[in-house]
Amino acid sequence: MNIKESIKFLKEVREELKKVTWPSKQLVRNATIAVIVFTLIVAIYLWGLDILFDRVFDYLYK
């Protein structure tokens, strides 16, 4: 890519970014909270499975 093509590309990128509908602050906050809560739920679920399988295998191999 030469300089002219690079400049043209960056101008086109700027024009496309003007067309983007950006999410509101409230939507971003709600989505972030939802992701954190879901991640915690999955982490607790997997932690519980880990403990369960650990106890089952300890019982089976003793």
Protein backbone atom coordinates (compact mmCIF):
# COMPACT_ATOMS: atom_id res chain seq x y z
CA MET A 1 0.00 0.00 0.00
CA ASN A 2 1.31 3.41 -0.88
CA ILE A 3 0.61 6.69 0.94
CA LYS A 4 -2.33 7.75 -1.28
CA GLU A 5 -4.09 4.41 -0.82
CA SER A 6 -3.52 4.56 2.94
CA ILE A 7 -4.99 8.07 3.17
CA LYS A 8 -7.97 7.06 1.04
CA PHE A 9 -8.53 4.00 3.22
CA LEU A 10 -8.45 6.06 6.43
CA LYS A 11 -10.91 8.59 4.98
CA GLU A 12 -13.27 5.77 4.04
CA VAL A 13 -12.95 4.30 7.53
CA ARG A 14 -13.84 7.68 9.05
CA GLU A 15 -16.91 7.96 6.82
CA GLU A 16 -18.07 4.46 7.73
CA LEU A 17 -17.62 5.14 11.44
CA LYS A 18 -19.93 8.14 11.12
CA LYS A 19 -22.67 5.72 10.02
CA VAL A 20 -22.31 3.53 13.10
CA THR A 21 -25.06 3.64 15.68
CA TRP A 22 -23.18 3.59 18.96
CA PRO A 23 -24.84 2.06 22.02
CA SER A 24 -25.94 4.31 24.86
CA LYS A 25 -24.06 4.45 28.13
CA GLN A 26 -26.98 2.72 29.88
CA LEU A 27 -27.03 -0.12 27.33
CA VAL A 28 -23.29 -0.68 27.70
CA ARG A 29 -23.61 -0.67 31.50
CA ASN A 30 -26.51 -3.15 31.44
CA ALA A 31 -24.76 -5.45 28.99
CA THR A 32 -21.57 -5.37 31.08
CA ILE A 33 -23.48 -6.24 34.24
CA ALA A 34 -25.27 -9.08 32.43
CA VAL A 35 -21.96 -10.50 31.20
CA ILE A 36 -20.40 -10.30 34.66
CA VAL A 37 -23.41 -11.97 36.32
CA PHE A 38 -23.56 -14.71 33.68
CA THR A 39 -19.80 -15.31 34.02
CA LEU A 40 -20.11 -15.62 37.80
CA ILE A 41 -23.01 -18.07 37.47
CA VAL A 42 -21.07 -20.25 35.02
CA ALA A 43 -17.94 -20.07 37.20
CA ILE A 44 -19.89 -21.16 40.30
CA TYR A 45 -21.54 -23.96 38.33
CA LEU A 46 -18.20 -25.24 37.03
CA TRP A 47 -16.66 -24.92 40.50
CA GLY A 48 -19.49 -27.04 41.87
CA LEU A 49 -18.98 -29.67 39.17
CA ASP A 50 -15.25 -29.69 39.92
CA ILE A 51 -15.90 -30.35 43.60
CA LEU A 52 -18.49 -33.02 42.77
CA PHE A 53 -16.23 -34.89 40.35
CA ASP A 54 -13.29 -34.58 42.75
CA ARG A 55 -15.30 -36.22 45.51
CA VAL A 56 -16.69 -38.90 43.19
CA PHE A 57 -13.23 -39.84 41.90
CA ASP A 58 -11.76 -39.74 45.40
CA TYR A 59 -14.50 -42.14 46.51
CA LEU A 60 -14.00 -44.45 43.53
CA TYR A 61 -10.21 -44.65 43.80
CA LYS A 62 -9.89 -45.14 47.57
